[in-house]
Structures are given as structure tokens and as C-alpha cells.
PDB file of all heavy atoms in Angstrom:
ATOM      1  N   PHE A   1       0.818  -1.220   0.000  1.00  0.00           N
ATOM      2  CA  PHE A   1       0.000   0.000   0.000  1.00  0.00           C
ATOM      3  C   PHE A   1       0.853   1.272   0.000  1.00  0.00           C
ATOM      4  O   PHE A   1       0.612   2.209   0.767  1.00  0.00           O
ATOM      5  CB  PHE A   1      -0.935   0.015   1.222  1.00  0.00           C
ATOM      6  CG  PHE A   1      -1.732  -1.231   1.408  1.00  0.00           C
ATOM      7  CD1 PHE A   1      -1.437  -2.117   2.426  1.00  0.00           C
ATOM      8  CD2 PHE A   1      -2.774  -1.540   0.537  1.00  0.00           C
ATOM      9  CE1 PHE A   1      -2.163  -3.284   2.596  1.00  0.00           C
ATOM     10  CE2 PHE A   1      -3.520  -2.699   0.707  1.00  0.00           C
ATOM     11  CZ  PHE A   1      -3.210  -3.573   1.721  1.00  0.00           C
ATOM     12  N   SER A   2       1.863   1.296  -0.838  1.00  0.00           N
ATOM     13  CA  SER A   2       2.770   2.447  -0.855  1.00  0.00           C
ATOM     14  C   SER A   2       2.211   3.580  -1.714  1.00  0.00           C
ATOM     15  O   SER A   2       1.610   3.357  -2.766  1.00  0.00           O
ATOM     16  CB  SER A   2       4.142   2.037  -1.380  1.00  0.00           C
ATOM     17  OG  SER A   2       4.050   1.491  -2.678  1.00  0.00           O
ATOM     18  N   ILE A   3       2.399   4.807  -1.217  1.00  0.00           N
ATOM     19  CA  ILE A   3       2.048   6.033  -1.927  1.00  0.00           C
ATOM     20  C   ILE A   3       3.278   6.923  -1.912  1.00  0.00           C
ATOM     21  O   ILE A   3       3.793   7.247  -0.833  1.00  0.00           O
ATOM     22  CB  ILE A   3       0.861   6.758  -1.261  1.00  0.00           C
ATOM     23  CG1 ILE A   3      -0.367   5.849  -1.203  1.00  0.00           C
ATOM     24  CG2 ILE A   3       0.538   8.054  -1.992  1.00  0.00           C
ATOM     25  CD1 ILE A   3      -1.517   6.440  -0.398  1.00  0.00           C
ATOM     26  N   GLY A   4       3.760   7.306  -3.066  1.00  0.00           N
ATOM     27  CA  GLY A   4       4.999   8.072  -3.104  1.00  0.00           C
ATOM     28  C   GLY A   4       5.035   9.139  -4.177  1.00  0.00           C
ATOM     29  O   GLY A   4       4.162   9.208  -5.046  1.00  0.00           O
ATOM     30  N   ILE A   5       6.061   9.977  -4.092  1.00  0.00           N
ATOM     31  CA  ILE A   5       6.318  11.027  -5.074  1.00  0.00           C
ATOM     32  C   ILE A   5       7.563  10.627  -5.847  1.00  0.00           C
ATOM     33  O   ILE A   5       8.649  10.521  -5.257  1.00  0.00           O
ATOM     34  CB  ILE A   5       6.525  12.392  -4.399  1.00  0.00           C
ATOM     35  CG1 ILE A   5       5.339  12.743  -3.500  1.00  0.00           C
ATOM     36  CG2 ILE A   5       6.741  13.487  -5.436  1.00  0.00           C
ATOM     37  CD1 ILE A   5       5.544  14.001  -2.683  1.00  0.00           C
ATOM     38  N   PRO A   6       7.470  10.391  -7.152  1.00  0.00           N
ATOM     39  CA  PRO A   6       8.618   9.913  -7.927  1.00  0.00           C
ATOM     40  C   PRO A   6       9.840  10.825  -7.792  1.00  0.00           C
ATOM     41  O   PRO A   6       9.709  12.054  -7.754  1.00  0.00           O
ATOM     42  CB  PRO A   6       8.089   9.915  -9.364  1.00  0.00           C
ATOM     43  CG  PRO A   6       6.602   9.801  -9.228  1.00  0.00           C
ATOM     44  CD  PRO A   6       6.257  10.545  -7.971  1.00  0.00           C
ATOM     45  N   HIS A   7      11.003  10.212  -7.681  1.00  0.00           N
ATOM     46  CA  HIS A   7      12.312  10.871  -7.693  1.00  0.00           C
ATOM     47  C   HIS A   7      12.651  11.656  -6.420  1.00  0.00           C
ATOM     48  O   HIS A   7      13.820  12.011  -6.227  1.00  0.00           O
ATOM     49  CB  HIS A   7      12.437  11.828  -8.892  1.00  0.00           C
ATOM     50  CG  HIS A   7      12.407  11.155 -10.223  1.00  0.00           C
ATOM     51  ND1 HIS A   7      13.533  10.608 -10.801  1.00  0.00           N
ATOM     52  CD2 HIS A   7      11.378  10.927 -11.085  1.00  0.00           C
ATOM     53  CE1 HIS A   7      13.209  10.084 -11.973  1.00  0.00           C
ATOM     54  NE2 HIS A   7      11.905  10.256 -12.166  1.00  0.00           N
ATOM     55  N   PHE A   8      11.689  11.926  -5.557  1.00  0.00           N
ATOM     56  CA  PHE A   8      11.954  12.865  -4.465  1.00  0.00           C
ATOM     57  C   PHE A   8      12.868  12.286  -3.384  1.00  0.00           C
ATOM     58  O   PHE A   8      13.581  13.045  -2.718  1.00  0.00           O
ATOM     59  CB  PHE A   8      10.638  13.353  -3.858  1.00  0.00           C
ATOM     60  CG  PHE A   8      10.171  14.643  -4.434  1.00  0.00           C
ATOM     61  CD1 PHE A   8       9.833  14.732  -5.778  1.00  0.00           C
ATOM     62  CD2 PHE A   8      10.101  15.783  -3.660  1.00  0.00           C
ATOM     63  CE1 PHE A   8       9.406  15.915  -6.333  1.00  0.00           C
ATOM     64  CE2 PHE A   8       9.682  16.987  -4.204  1.00  0.00           C
ATOM     65  CZ  PHE A   8       9.336  17.058  -5.548  1.00  0.00           C
ATOM     66  N   SER A   9      12.884  10.988  -3.188  1.00  0.00           N
ATOM     67  CA  SER A   9      13.814  10.409  -2.224  1.00  0.00           C
ATOM     68  C   SER A   9      15.251  10.582  -2.697  1.00  0.00           C
ATOM     69  O   SER A   9      16.137  10.948  -1.919  1.00  0.00           O
ATOM     70  CB  SER A   9      13.506   8.926  -2.002  1.00  0.00           C
ATOM     71  OG  SER A   9      14.377   8.368  -1.039  1.00  0.00           O
ATOM     72  N   SER A  10      15.480  10.341  -3.977  1.00  0.00           N
ATOM     73  CA  SER A  10      16.818  10.565  -4.540  1.00  0.00           C
ATOM     74  C   SER A  10      17.202  12.028  -4.456  1.00  0.00           C
ATOM     75  O   SER A  10      18.337  12.381  -4.127  1.00  0.00           O
ATOM     76  CB  SER A  10      16.853  10.097  -6.002  1.00  0.00           C
ATOM     77  OG  SER A  10      16.790   8.687  -6.079  1.00  0.00           O
ATOM     78  N   LEU A  11      16.251  12.899  -4.733  1.00  0.00           N
ATOM     79  CA  LEU A  11      16.534  14.334  -4.704  1.00  0.00           C
ATOM     80  C   LEU A  11      16.915  14.790  -3.291  1.00  0.00           C
ATOM     81  O   LEU A  11      17.879  15.550  -3.117  1.00  0.00           O
ATOM     82  CB  LEU A  11      15.312  15.114  -5.195  1.00  0.00           C
ATOM     83  CG  LEU A  11      15.453  16.640  -5.243  1.00  0.00           C
ATOM     84  CD1 LEU A  11      16.544  17.049  -6.230  1.00  0.00           C
ATOM     85  CD2 LEU A  11      14.124  17.286  -5.612  1.00  0.00           C
ATOM     86  N   LEU A  12      16.194  14.312  -2.292  1.00  0.00           N
ATOM     87  CA  LEU A  12      16.455  14.746  -0.916  1.00  0.00           C
ATOM     88  C   LEU A  12      17.749  14.164  -0.368  1.00  0.00           C
ATOM     89  O   LEU A  12      18.482  14.842   0.362  1.00  0.00           O
ATOM     90  CB  LEU A  12      15.287  14.340  -0.011  1.00  0.00           C
ATOM     91  CG  LEU A  12      13.972  15.093  -0.227  1.00  0.00           C
ATOM     92  CD1 LEU A  12      12.868  14.485   0.625  1.00  0.00           C
ATOM     93  CD2 LEU A  12      14.128  16.577   0.108  1.00  0.00           C
ATOM     94  N   ASN A  13      18.060  12.922  -0.700  1.00  0.00           N
ATOM     95  CA  ASN A  13      19.209  12.256  -0.096  1.00  0.00           C
ATOM     96  C   ASN A  13      20.501  12.415  -0.881  1.00  0.00           C
ATOM     97  O   ASN A  13      21.590  12.357  -0.290  1.00  0.00           O
ATOM     98  CB  ASN A  13      18.910  10.758   0.076  1.00  0.00           C
ATOM     99  CG  ASN A  13      17.909  10.499   1.187  1.00  0.00           C
ATOM    100  OD1 ASN A  13      18.257  10.529   2.353  1.00  0.00           O
ATOM    101  ND2 ASN A  13      16.655  10.240   0.808  1.00  0.00           N
ATOM    102  N   THR A  14      20.394  12.587  -2.179  1.00  0.00           N
ATOM    103  CA  THR A  14      21.600  12.750  -2.997  1.00  0.00           C
ATOM    104  C   THR A  14      21.687  14.124  -3.638  1.00  0.00           C
ATOM    105  O   THR A  14      22.698  14.461  -4.244  1.00  0.00           O
ATOM    106  CB  THR A  14      21.642  11.688  -4.114  1.00  0.00           C
ATOM    107  OG1 THR A  14      20.617  11.961  -5.080  1.00  0.00           O
ATOM    108  CG2 THR A  14      21.441  10.288  -3.551  1.00  0.00           C
ATOM    109  N   HIS A  15      20.613  14.900  -3.526  1.00  0.00           N
ATOM    110  CA  HIS A  15      20.503  16.222  -4.179  1.00  0.00           C
ATOM    111  C   HIS A  15      20.658  16.093  -5.693  1.00  0.00           C
ATOM    112  O   HIS A  15      21.171  16.989  -6.356  1.00  0.00           O
ATOM    113  CB  HIS A  15      21.532  17.201  -3.609  1.00  0.00           C
ATOM    114  CG  HIS A  15      21.211  17.608  -2.203  1.00  0.00           C
ATOM    115  ND1 HIS A  15      22.012  18.477  -1.474  1.00  0.00           N
ATOM    116  CD2 HIS A  15      20.184  17.270  -1.361  1.00  0.00           C
ATOM    117  CE1 HIS A  15      21.473  18.652  -0.273  1.00  0.00           C
ATOM    118  NE2 HIS A  15      20.377  17.927  -0.187  1.00  0.00           N
ATOM    119  N   SER A  16      20.223  14.950  -6.191  1.00  0.00           N
ATOM    120  CA  SER A  16      20.226  14.691  -7.630  1.00  0.00           C
ATOM    121  C   SER A  16      18.901  14.026  -7.998  1.00  0.00           C
ATOM    122  O   SER A  16      18.445  13.114  -7.291  1.00  0.00           O
ATOM    123  CB  SER A  16      21.395  13.784  -8.022  1.00  0.00           C
ATOM    124  OG  SER A  16      21.300  13.401  -9.381  1.00  0.00           O
ATOM    125  N   TRP A  17      18.273  14.466  -9.097  1.00  0.00           N
ATOM    126  CA  TRP A  17      16.969  13.954  -9.508  1.00  0.00           C
ATOM    127  C   TRP A  17      16.995  12.458  -9.759  1.00  0.00           C
ATOM    128  O   TRP A  17      16.042  11.747  -9.435  1.00  0.00           O
ATOM    129  CB  TRP A  17      16.508  14.696 -10.764  1.00  0.00           C
ATOM    130  CG  TRP A  17      15.110  14.396 -11.213  1.00  0.00           C
ATOM    131  CD1 TRP A  17      14.731  13.677 -12.305  1.00  0.00           C
ATOM    132  CD2 TRP A  17      13.886  14.826 -10.592  1.00  0.00           C
ATOM    133  NE1 TRP A  17      13.366  13.624 -12.417  1.00  0.00           N
ATOM    134  CE2 TRP A  17      12.816  14.333 -11.368  1.00  0.00           C
ATOM    135  CE3 TRP A  17      13.601  15.585  -9.458  1.00  0.00           C
ATOM    136  CZ2 TRP A  17      11.480  14.569 -11.047  1.00  0.00           C
ATOM    137  CZ3 TRP A  17      12.271  15.818  -9.140  1.00  0.00           C
ATOM    138  CH2 TRP A  17      11.232  15.313  -9.931  1.00  0.00           C
ATOM    139  N   ASN A  18      18.095  11.963 -10.305  1.00  0.00           N
ATOM    140  CA  ASN A  18      18.225  10.533 -10.593  1.00  0.00           C
ATOM    141  C   ASN A  18      19.345   9.890  -9.788  1.00  0.00           C
ATOM    142  O   ASN A  18      19.967   8.929 -10.239  1.00  0.00           O
ATOM    143  CB  ASN A  18      18.464  10.313 -12.092  1.00  0.00           C
ATOM    144  CG  ASN A  18      17.211  10.546 -12.919  1.00  0.00           C
ATOM    145  OD1 ASN A  18      16.165   9.954 -12.641  1.00  0.00           O
ATOM    146  ND2 ASN A  18      17.299  11.411 -13.908  1.00  0.00           N
ATOM    147  N   GLY A  19      19.612  10.431  -8.606  1.00  0.00           N
ATOM    148  CA  GLY A  19      20.661   9.864  -7.775  1.00  0.00           C
ATOM    149  C   GLY A  19      20.361   8.434  -7.375  1.00  0.00           C
ATOM    150  O   GLY A  19      19.211   8.041  -7.184  1.00  0.00           O
ATOM    151  N   GLU A  20      21.420   7.637  -7.265  1.00  0.00           N
ATOM    152  CA  GLU A  20      21.244   6.216  -6.938  1.00  0.00           C
ATOM    153  C   GLU A  20      21.069   6.020  -5.438  1.00  0.00           C
ATOM    154  O   GLU A  20      21.806   6.576  -4.626  1.00  0.00           O
ATOM    155  CB  GLU A  20      22.448   5.408  -7.418  1.00  0.00           C
ATOM    156  CG  GLU A  20      22.284   3.898  -7.207  1.00  0.00           C
ATOM    157  CD  GLU A  20      23.391   3.094  -7.840  1.00  0.00           C
ATOM    158  OE1 GLU A  20      24.430   2.916  -7.165  1.00  0.00           O
ATOM    159  OE2 GLU A  20      23.241   2.667  -8.992  1.00  0.00           O
ATOM    160  N   MET A  21      20.069   5.223  -5.086  1.00  0.00           N
ATOM    161  CA  MET A  21      19.801   4.872  -3.697  1.00  0.00           C
ATOM    162  C   MET A  21      20.026   3.372  -3.520  1.00  0.00           C
ATOM    163  O   MET A  21      19.454   2.562  -4.256  1.00  0.00           O
ATOM    164  CB  MET A  21      18.362   5.230  -3.329  1.00  0.00           C
ATOM    165  CG  MET A  21      18.020   6.707  -3.476  1.00  0.00           C
ATOM    166  SD  MET A  21      18.666   7.688  -2.129  1.00  0.00           S
ATOM    167  CE  MET A  21      17.664   7.101  -0.772  1.00  0.00           C
ATOM    168  N   VAL A  22      20.852   3.024  -2.540  1.00  0.00           N
ATOM    169  CA  VAL A  22      21.123   1.620  -2.249  1.00  0.00           C
ATOM    170  C   VAL A  22      19.899   1.001  -1.588  1.00  0.00           C
ATOM    171  O   VAL A  22      19.273   1.597  -0.712  1.00  0.00           O
ATOM    172  CB  VAL A  22      22.348   1.491  -1.335  1.00  0.00           C
ATOM    173  CG1 VAL A  22      22.570   0.034  -0.926  1.00  0.00           C
ATOM    174  CG2 VAL A  22      23.582   2.053  -2.024  1.00  0.00           C
ATOM    175  N   GLY A  23      19.540  -0.208  -2.033  1.00  0.00           N
ATOM    176  CA  GLY A  23      18.372  -0.886  -1.496  1.00  0.00           C
ATOM    177  C   GLY A  23      18.708  -1.815  -0.345  1.00  0.00           C
ATOM    178  O   GLY A  23      19.850  -2.246  -0.176  1.00  0.00           O
ATOM    179  N   LEU A  24      17.713  -2.137   0.451  1.00  0.00           N
ATOM    180  CA  LEU A  24      17.894  -3.041   1.584  1.00  0.00           C
ATOM    181  C   LEU A  24      18.320  -4.430   1.147  1.00  0.00           C
ATOM    182  O   LEU A  24      19.038  -5.140   1.866  1.00  0.00           O
ATOM    183  CB  LEU A  24      16.598  -3.123   2.391  1.00  0.00           C
ATOM    184  CG  LEU A  24      16.246  -1.882   3.216  1.00  0.00           C
ATOM    185  CD1 LEU A  24      14.756  -1.838   3.501  1.00  0.00           C
ATOM    186  CD2 LEU A  24      17.036  -1.879   4.518  1.00  0.00           C
ATOM    187  N   LYS A  25      17.893  -4.839  -0.045  1.00  0.00           N
ATOM    188  CA  LYS A  25      18.228  -6.177  -0.524  1.00  0.00           C
ATOM    189  C   LYS A  25      19.697  -6.324  -0.895  1.00  0.00           C
ATOM    190  O   LYS A  25      20.153  -7.430  -1.184  1.00  0.00           O
ATOM    191  CB  LYS A  25      17.364  -6.530  -1.742  1.00  0.00           C
ATOM    192  CG  LYS A  25      15.898  -6.738  -1.424  1.00  0.00           C
ATOM    193  CD  LYS A  25      15.121  -7.113  -2.683  1.00  0.00           C
ATOM    194  CE  LYS A  25      13.642  -7.290  -2.409  1.00  0.00           C
ATOM    195  NZ  LYS A  25      12.886  -7.619  -3.650  1.00  0.00           N
ATOM    196  N   SER A  26      20.451  -5.210  -0.868  1.00  0.00           N
ATOM    197  CA  SER A  26      21.882  -5.296  -1.161  1.00  0.00           C
ATOM    198  C   SER A  26      22.651  -5.981  -0.028  1.00  0.00           C
ATOM    199  O   SER A  26      23.822  -6.333  -0.190  1.00  0.00           O
ATOM    200  CB  SER A  26      22.456  -3.903  -1.408  1.00  0.00           C
ATOM    201  OG  SER A  26      22.341  -3.095  -0.249  1.00  0.00           O
ATOM    202  N   VAL A  27      22.016  -6.152   1.126  1.00  0.00           N
ATOM    203  CA  VAL A  27      22.619  -6.898   2.228  1.00  0.00           C
ATOM    204  C   VAL A  27      21.655  -8.007   2.633  1.00  0.00           C
ATOM    205  O   VAL A  27      20.474  -7.994   2.268  1.00  0.00           O
ATOM    206  CB  VAL A  27      22.916  -5.984   3.442  1.00  0.00           C
ATOM    207  CG1 VAL A  27      23.918  -4.901   3.075  1.00  0.00           C
ATOM    208  CG2 VAL A  27      21.638  -5.358   3.995  1.00  0.00           C
ATOM    209  N   SER A  28      22.151  -8.953   3.381  1.00  0.00           N
ATOM    210  CA  SER A  28      21.296 -10.059   3.817  1.00  0.00           C
ATOM    211  C   SER A  28      20.273  -9.561   4.833  1.00  0.00           C
ATOM    212  O   SER A  28      20.502  -8.557   5.521  1.00  0.00           O
ATOM    213  CB  SER A  28      22.146 -11.164   4.437  1.00  0.00           C
ATOM    214  OG  SER A  28      22.715 -10.711   5.656  1.00  0.00           O
ATOM    215  N   PRO A  29      19.140 -10.230   4.958  1.00  0.00           N
ATOM    216  CA  PRO A  29      18.129  -9.817   5.949  1.00  0.00           C
ATOM    217  C   PRO A  29      18.668  -9.704   7.360  1.00  0.00           C
ATOM    218  O   PRO A  29      18.189  -8.884   8.146  1.00  0.00           O
ATOM    219  CB  PRO A  29      17.069 -10.917   5.827  1.00  0.00           C
ATOM    220  CG  PRO A  29      17.195 -11.406   4.423  1.00  0.00           C
ATOM    221  CD  PRO A  29      18.665 -11.341   4.109  1.00  0.00           C
ATOM    222  N   SER A  30      19.684 -10.504   7.691  1.00  0.00           N
ATOM    223  CA  SER A  30      20.262 -10.445   9.037  1.00  0.00           C
ATOM    224  C   SER A  30      21.031  -9.154   9.279  1.00  0.00           C
ATOM    225  O   SER A  30      21.314  -8.801  10.433  1.00  0.00           O
ATOM    226  CB  SER A  30      21.181 -11.644   9.273  1.00  0.00           C
ATOM    227  OG  SER A  30      22.276 -11.621   8.362  1.00  0.00           O
ATOM    228  N   ASP A  31      21.388  -8.451   8.209  1.00  0.00           N
ATOM    229  CA  ASP A  31      22.112  -7.182   8.320  1.00  0.00           C
ATOM    230  C   ASP A  31      21.195  -5.979   8.136  1.00  0.00           C
ATOM    231  O   ASP A  31      21.676  -4.846   8.038  1.00  0.00           O
ATOM    232  CB  ASP A  31      23.244  -7.119   7.286  1.00  0.00           C
ATOM    233  CG  ASP A  31      24.387  -8.058   7.634  1.00  0.00           C
ATOM    234  OD1 ASP A  31      24.529  -8.410   8.821  1.00  0.00           O
ATOM    235  OD2 ASP A  31      25.139  -8.449   6.719  1.00  0.00           O
ATOM    236  N   GLN A  32      19.892  -6.212   8.101  1.00  0.00           N
ATOM    237  CA  GLN A  32      18.934  -5.123   7.944  1.00  0.00           C
ATOM    238  C   GLN A  32      18.357  -4.726   9.299  1.00  0.00           C
ATOM    239  O   GLN A  32      18.113  -5.587  10.145  1.00  0.00           O
ATOM    240  CB  GLN A  32      17.788  -5.545   7.018  1.00  0.00           C
ATOM    241  CG  GLN A  32      18.198  -5.861   5.595  1.00  0.00           C
ATOM    242  CD  GLN A  32      17.057  -6.465   4.792  1.00  0.00           C
ATOM    243  OE1 GLN A  32      15.942  -6.668   5.298  1.00  0.00           O
ATOM    244  NE2 GLN A  32      17.334  -6.786   3.530  1.00  0.00           N
ATOM    245  N   PRO A  33      18.118  -3.434   9.516  1.00  0.00           N
ATOM    246  CA  PRO A  33      17.439  -3.007  10.747  1.00  0.00           C
ATOM    247  C   PRO A  33      15.955  -3.328  10.672  1.00  0.00           C
ATOM    248  O   PRO A  33      15.466  -3.814   9.643  1.00  0.00           O
ATOM    249  CB  PRO A  33      17.681  -1.497  10.759  1.00  0.00           C
ATOM    250  CG  PRO A  33      17.781  -1.128   9.315  1.00  0.00           C
ATOM    251  CD  PRO A  33      18.442  -2.307   8.638  1.00  0.00           C
ATOM    252  N   ASN A  34      15.239  -3.057  11.726  1.00  0.00           N
ATOM    253  CA  ASN A  34      13.784  -3.212  11.719  1.00  0.00           C
ATOM    254  C   ASN A  34      13.205  -2.081  10.873  1.00  0.00           C
ATOM    255  O   ASN A  34      13.113  -0.935  11.319  1.00  0.00           O
ATOM    256  CB  ASN A  34      13.235  -3.157  13.145  1.00  0.00           C
ATOM    257  CG  ASN A  34      11.757  -3.504  13.212  1.00  0.00           C
ATOM    258  OD1 ASN A  34      10.941  -2.929  12.508  1.00  0.00           O
ATOM    259  ND2 ASN A  34      11.416  -4.453  14.073  1.00  0.00           N
ATOM    260  N   VAL A  35      12.804  -2.407   9.662  1.00  0.00           N
ATOM    261  CA  VAL A  35      12.444  -1.385   8.680  1.00  0.00           C
ATOM    262  C   VAL A  35      11.183  -0.632   9.090  1.00  0.00           C
ATOM    263  O   VAL A  35      11.115   0.594   8.969  1.00  0.00           O
ATOM    264  CB  VAL A  35      12.271  -2.018   7.286  1.00  0.00           C
ATOM    265  CG1 VAL A  35      11.871  -0.954   6.263  1.00  0.00           C
ATOM    266  CG2 VAL A  35      13.560  -2.709   6.851  1.00  0.00           C
TER     267      VAL A  35
END
């Protein structure tokens, strides 16, 4: 049930419209915090 604004997370965190954001799946579930 996600509702979002396209590109804005990249813009806020990288200050780039198409900045790359690392995903949680890049690490094993045991290395993830309680999301």
C-alpha cells in the first residue's frame, strides 16, 4: 500500500533527480534493521 512522489527520495538524499539509492536487498536480511 505504498504512496509516493517519484524521484523525491533521490533528490532529498543525494541532491540529484536521478541519484542512486542503495536498497535493503543489497545486504542479507540479518544485516537489515527493523524497517
